Amino acid sequence: MIHEASTGDAAELVWFKSSYSDTSNPNDCVEVATTPCTVHVRDSKNVEGPRFAVAPAAWTDFLQLLG
């Protein structure tokens, strides 16, 4: 996992709501943004708050765990 205060130029990231987010509460979701080398993750309620980034293979492994 890559954990940095700044994960590159966040202004250029295109964020979208994760399809795994709870659809019964539109304010309760995770957003992701992808680049060729990383998958960035943040809380949609706190877009300026903490975020983390992982390698695409690690993100794929995580999604497979969710089934």
C-alpha atoms as a PDB file:
ATOM      1  CA  MET A   1       0.000   0.000   0.000  1.00  0.00           C
ATOM      2  CA  ILE A   2       1.161   3.504  -0.768  1.00  0.00           C
ATOM      3  CA  HIS A   3       0.298   5.938   2.023  1.00  0.00           C
ATOM      4  CA  GLU A   4       1.397   9.513   1.484  1.00  0.00           C
ATOM      5  CA  ALA A   5       0.171  12.932   2.530  1.00  0.00           C
ATOM      6  CA  SER A   6       0.006  13.774  -1.152  1.00  0.00           C
ATOM      7  CA  THR A   7      -0.450  11.013  -3.701  1.00  0.00           C
ATOM      8  CA  GLY A   8       0.686  12.917  -6.748  1.00  0.00           C
ATOM      9  CA  ASP A   9      -1.214  15.756  -8.349  1.00  0.00           C
ATOM     10  CA  ALA A  10      -4.678  15.081  -6.929  1.00  0.00           C
ATOM     11  CA  ALA A  11      -6.140  17.932  -9.002  1.00  0.00           C
ATOM     12  CA  GLU A  12      -5.755  15.813 -12.127  1.00  0.00           C
ATOM     13  CA  LEU A  13      -7.447  12.706 -10.729  1.00  0.00           C
ATOM     14  CA  VAL A  14     -10.925  11.837 -11.964  1.00  0.00           C
ATOM     15  CA  TRP A  15     -12.909  10.430  -9.023  1.00  0.00           C
ATOM     16  CA  PHE A  16     -15.959   8.178  -9.282  1.00  0.00           C
ATOM     17  CA  LYS A  17     -18.170   6.421  -6.769  1.00  0.00           C
ATOM     18  CA  SER A  18     -17.274   2.816  -6.123  1.00  0.00           C
ATOM     19  CA  SER A  19     -19.874   0.305  -7.269  1.00  0.00           C
ATOM     20  CA  TYR A  20     -19.351  -1.421  -3.891  1.00  0.00           C
ATOM     21  CA  SER A  21     -20.666   1.607  -1.961  1.00  0.00           C
ATOM     22  CA  ASP A  22     -23.936   1.376  -0.050  1.00  0.00           C
ATOM     23  CA  THR A  23     -26.661   2.542  -2.411  1.00  0.00           C
ATOM     24  CA  SER A  24     -29.242   2.951   0.384  1.00  0.00           C
ATOM     25  CA  ASN A  25     -27.302   5.932   1.735  1.00  0.00           C
ATOM     26  CA  PRO A  26     -25.912   8.169  -1.040  1.00  0.00           C
ATOM     27  CA  ASN A  27     -23.739  10.045   1.483  1.00  0.00           C
ATOM     28  CA  ASP A  28     -21.974   6.874   2.565  1.00  0.00           C
ATOM     29  CA  CYS A  29     -19.576   5.962  -0.197  1.00  0.00           C
ATOM     30  CA  VAL A  30     -16.022   5.423  -1.263  1.00  0.00           C
ATOM     31  CA  GLU A  31     -14.621   7.136  -4.326  1.00  0.00           C
ATOM     32  CA  VAL A  32     -11.761   5.862  -6.446  1.00  0.00           C
ATOM     33  CA  ALA A  33      -9.542   7.392  -9.098  1.00  0.00           C
ATOM     34  CA  THR A  34      -7.220   5.349 -11.259  1.00  0.00           C
ATOM     35  CA  THR A  35      -3.929   6.075 -12.932  1.00  0.00           C
ATOM     36  CA  PRO A  36      -1.748   3.586 -14.816  1.00  0.00           C
ATOM     37  CA  CYS A  37       0.292   2.867 -11.667  1.00  0.00           C
ATOM     38  CA  THR A  38      -2.131   3.446  -8.781  1.00  0.00           C
ATOM     39  CA  VAL A  39      -5.701   3.235  -7.548  1.00  0.00           C
ATOM     40  CA  HIS A  40      -6.510   6.150  -5.232  1.00  0.00           C
ATOM     41  CA  VAL A  41      -9.252   5.798  -2.606  1.00  0.00           C
ATOM     42  CA  ARG A  42     -11.025   8.458  -0.517  1.00  0.00           C
ATOM     43  CA  ASP A  43     -14.170   9.064   1.538  1.00  0.00           C
ATOM     44  CA  SER A  44     -16.726  11.003  -0.498  1.00  0.00           C
ATOM     45  CA  LYS A  45     -17.851  12.917   2.607  1.00  0.00           C
ATOM     46  CA  ASN A  46     -14.334  14.262   3.183  1.00  0.00           C
ATOM     47  CA  VAL A  47     -12.774  14.777  -0.239  1.00  0.00           C
ATOM     48  CA  GLU A  48      -9.957  16.924   1.155  1.00  0.00           C
ATOM     49  CA  GLY A  49      -9.239  14.418   3.929  1.00  0.00           C
ATOM     50  CA  PRO A  50      -7.013  11.376   4.059  1.00  0.00           C
ATOM     51  CA  ARG A  51      -6.736   9.080   1.094  1.00  0.00           C
ATOM     52  CA  PHE A  52      -4.581   6.174   0.147  1.00  0.00           C
ATOM     53  CA  ALA A  53      -3.278   4.616  -3.024  1.00  0.00           C
ATOM     54  CA  VAL A  54      -2.440   1.033  -3.897  1.00  0.00           C
ATOM     55  CA  ALA A  55      -1.009  -0.749  -6.896  1.00  0.00           C
ATOM     56  CA  PRO A  56      -3.664  -1.921  -9.380  1.00  0.00           C
ATOM     57  CA  ALA A  57      -2.901  -5.579  -8.613  1.00  0.00           C
ATOM     58  CA  ALA A  58      -3.506  -4.996  -4.892  1.00  0.00           C
ATOM     59  CA  TRP A  59      -6.835  -3.284  -5.663  1.00  0.00           C
ATOM     60  CA  THR A  60      -7.870  -6.211  -7.869  1.00  0.00           C
ATOM     61  CA  ASP A  61      -6.989  -8.653  -5.081  1.00  0.00           C
ATOM     62  CA  PHE A  62      -9.063  -6.603  -2.620  1.00  0.00           C
ATOM     63  CA  LEU A  63     -12.085  -6.543  -4.941  1.00  0.00           C
ATOM     64  CA  GLN A  64     -11.892 -10.308  -5.376  1.00  0.00           C
ATOM     65  CA  LEU A  65     -12.160 -10.672  -1.597  1.00  0.00           C
ATOM     66  CA  LEU A  66     -15.455  -8.758  -1.703  1.00  0.00           C
ATOM     67  CA  GLY A  67     -16.770 -11.322  -4.135  1.00  0.00           C
END
